[in-house]
Amino acid sequence: MKRRCWIPGCLVLVCLLYQHPAYGQEKEVEKLRQQVETLERRVATLETLVLDLQVRLRQLETEGLQRVTGNRPARDANGWEDKQNWRRLRKGMTKSEVRRLLGEAGKISANAILGDTWYYPDAAGGRVRFDTGDRLKSWSEP
């Protein structure tokens, strides 16, 4: 008779354990672990792609600059004297690209609101204007 009381008691205990909230959590934790691993792999892949794109962007920028400048820097500090260098200017060029074509400016007027203006060789000569993002906005040949 004692056995009969013990077996139903065990069955009730087993049923209660299966219904306990912690029982289903192991499966949920494992599922979350797998999702984290998947996301970590995706992040690693995306980081690699970003690095590859940054390298490619630098290559394209270099190729573009070489194409614009004809694969040659200004011959000397007075590159601004060559009309062909002025005609290679394009809106949106960086200051370093302009400097490479025209050389160092004779005078620079800095303006945080309107952008900088470079003069070649001085205010009476050619003029290059940049926007506040340091990109070429306009110019006038000497």
Protein backbone atom coordinates (compact mmCIF):
# COMPACT_ATOMS: atom_id res chain seq x y z
CA MET A 1 0.00 0.00 0.00
CA LYS A 2 2.85 2.34 0.66
CA ARG A 3 4.04 1.83 -2.92
CA ARG A 4 0.73 2.93 -4.34
CA CYS A 5 0.93 6.22 -2.43
CA TRP A 6 4.50 6.82 -3.48
CA ILE A 7 3.97 6.38 -7.25
CA PRO A 8 1.10 8.88 -7.58
CA GLY A 9 3.11 11.33 -5.47
CA CYS A 10 6.05 10.98 -7.88
CA LEU A 11 3.76 11.52 -10.86
CA VAL A 12 2.38 14.69 -9.30
CA LEU A 13 5.92 15.91 -8.59
CA VAL A 14 7.05 15.22 -12.20
CA CYS A 15 3.99 17.04 -13.56
CA LEU A 16 4.72 20.03 -11.36
CA LEU A 17 8.36 20.16 -12.48
CA TYR A 18 7.38 20.16 -16.17
CA GLN A 19 5.03 23.04 -15.52
CA HIS A 20 7.64 25.04 -13.61
CA PRO A 21 8.74 28.19 -15.51
CA ALA A 22 12.45 27.27 -15.33
CA TYR A 23 11.86 24.13 -17.37
CA GLY A 24 11.17 26.04 -20.61
CA GLN A 25 13.89 28.61 -20.01
CA GLU A 26 16.71 26.28 -21.03
CA LYS A 27 15.33 26.04 -24.53
CA GLU A 28 14.81 29.81 -24.67
CA VAL A 29 18.35 30.47 -23.43
CA GLU A 30 19.79 28.13 -26.06
CA LYS A 31 17.73 29.83 -28.77
CA LEU A 32 19.00 33.24 -27.65
CA ARG A 33 22.58 31.96 -27.59
CA GLN A 34 22.24 30.82 -31.20
CA GLN A 35 20.79 34.20 -32.22
CA VAL A 36 23.70 36.01 -30.57
CA GLU A 37 26.22 33.80 -32.39
CA THR A 38 24.46 34.47 -35.71
CA LEU A 39 24.46 38.23 -35.08
CA GLU A 40 28.14 38.19 -34.11
CA ARG A 41 29.00 36.47 -37.39
CA ARG A 42 26.94 39.02 -39.33
CA VAL A 43 28.62 41.95 -37.54
CA ALA A 44 32.07 40.51 -38.30
CA THR A 45 31.11 40.15 -41.98
CA LEU A 46 29.76 43.71 -42.12
CA GLU A 47 32.88 45.12 -40.44
CA THR A 48 35.02 43.40 -43.07
CA LEU A 49 32.85 44.83 -45.85
CA VAL A 50 33.12 48.34 -44.39
CA LEU A 51 36.91 48.09 -44.26
CA ASP A 52 37.00 46.87 -47.87
CA LEU A 53 34.76 49.75 -48.95
CA GLN A 54 36.94 52.29 -47.14
CA VAL A 55 40.03 50.98 -48.94
CA ARG A 56 38.19 51.07 -52.29
CA LEU A 57 36.95 54.61 -51.63
CA ARG A 58 40.50 55.80 -50.97
CA GLN A 59 41.63 54.15 -54.21
CA LEU A 60 38.84 55.80 -56.19
CA GLU A 61 39.57 59.20 -54.65
CA THR A 62 43.25 58.83 -55.57
CA GLU A 63 42.38 57.73 -59.11
CA GLY A 64 39.96 60.62 -59.46
CA LEU A 65 42.57 63.12 -58.32
CA GLN A 66 45.11 61.66 -60.71
CA ARG A 67 42.58 61.86 -63.55
CA VAL A 68 41.71 65.49 -62.73
CA THR A 69 45.32 66.59 -62.36
CA GLY A 70 46.53 64.60 -65.35
CA ASN A 71 48.72 62.38 -63.14
CA ARG A 72 50.99 65.26 -62.32
CA PRO A 73 51.20 67.75 -59.53
CA ALA A 74 51.70 71.43 -60.18
CA ARG A 75 55.18 71.89 -61.67
CA ASP A 76 56.19 74.38 -59.05
CA ALA A 77 54.81 76.65 -56.39
CA ASN A 78 53.40 78.85 -59.18
CA GLY A 79 51.05 76.31 -60.71
CA TRP A 80 48.40 79.03 -60.65
CA GLU A 81 50.20 80.74 -63.55
CA ASP A 82 49.22 77.89 -65.90
CA LYS A 83 45.70 78.48 -67.31
CA GLN A 84 45.29 74.73 -67.86
CA ASN A 85 45.52 74.17 -64.10
CA TRP A 86 42.68 76.64 -63.54
CA ARG A 87 40.58 74.82 -66.14
CA ARG A 88 41.08 71.52 -64.31
CA LEU A 89 39.33 72.90 -61.22
CA ARG A 90 35.97 71.32 -60.41
CA LYS A 91 33.38 72.28 -57.82
CA GLY A 92 33.63 70.08 -54.72
CA MET A 93 37.41 69.58 -54.90
CA THR A 94 39.23 69.54 -51.57
CA LYS A 95 41.76 72.14 -50.52
CA SER A 96 44.61 69.67 -51.00
CA GLU A 97 43.46 68.94 -54.57
CA VAL A 98 43.36 72.66 -55.35
CA ARG A 99 46.76 73.17 -53.72
CA ARG A 100 48.16 70.35 -55.83
CA LEU A 101 46.98 72.06 -59.01
CA LEU A 102 47.64 75.71 -58.23
CA GLY A 103 50.30 75.62 -55.53
CA GLU A 104 50.24 77.61 -52.30
CA ALA A 105 48.07 80.71 -52.26
CA GLY A 106 49.74 84.09 -51.94
CA LYS A 107 47.07 85.29 -49.53
CA ILE A 108 44.36 83.45 -47.57
CA SER A 109 41.25 85.05 -46.13
CA ALA A 110 39.64 82.78 -43.52
CA ASN A 111 35.92 83.14 -42.83
CA ALA A 112 34.13 80.61 -40.60
CA ILE A 113 30.68 81.71 -41.84
CA LEU A 114 31.20 82.04 -45.60
CA GLY A 115 34.24 79.82 -46.10
CA ASP A 116 37.87 80.57 -46.97
CA THR A 117 39.13 82.47 -50.00
CA TRP A 118 42.57 81.91 -51.49
CA TYR A 119 44.20 84.54 -53.70
CA TYR A 120 46.81 83.86 -56.41
CA PRO A 121 49.23 85.64 -56.12
CA ASP A 122 47.29 88.32 -54.22
CA ALA A 123 43.84 89.97 -54.05
CA ALA A 124 44.35 91.49 -57.52
CA GLY A 125 44.93 88.10 -59.14
CA GLY A 126 43.02 84.83 -59.27
CA ARG A 127 40.67 83.78 -56.51
CA VAL A 128 39.46 80.42 -55.19
CA ARG A 129 36.51 80.20 -52.77
CA PHE A 130 35.70 77.28 -50.52
CA ASP A 131 32.49 76.52 -48.65
CA THR A 132 32.44 75.94 -44.90
CA GLY A 133 33.03 72.22 -45.54
CA ASP A 134 36.37 73.09 -47.22
CA ARG A 135 35.15 72.12 -50.69
CA LEU A 136 35.73 74.26 -53.78
CA LYS A 137 32.71 76.51 -54.35
CA SER A 138 33.86 78.95 -57.05
CA TRP A 139 36.92 80.51 -58.65
CA SER A 140 38.04 83.20 -61.03
CA GLU A 141 41.21 82.97 -63.09
CA PRO A 142 43.84 85.71 -62.85
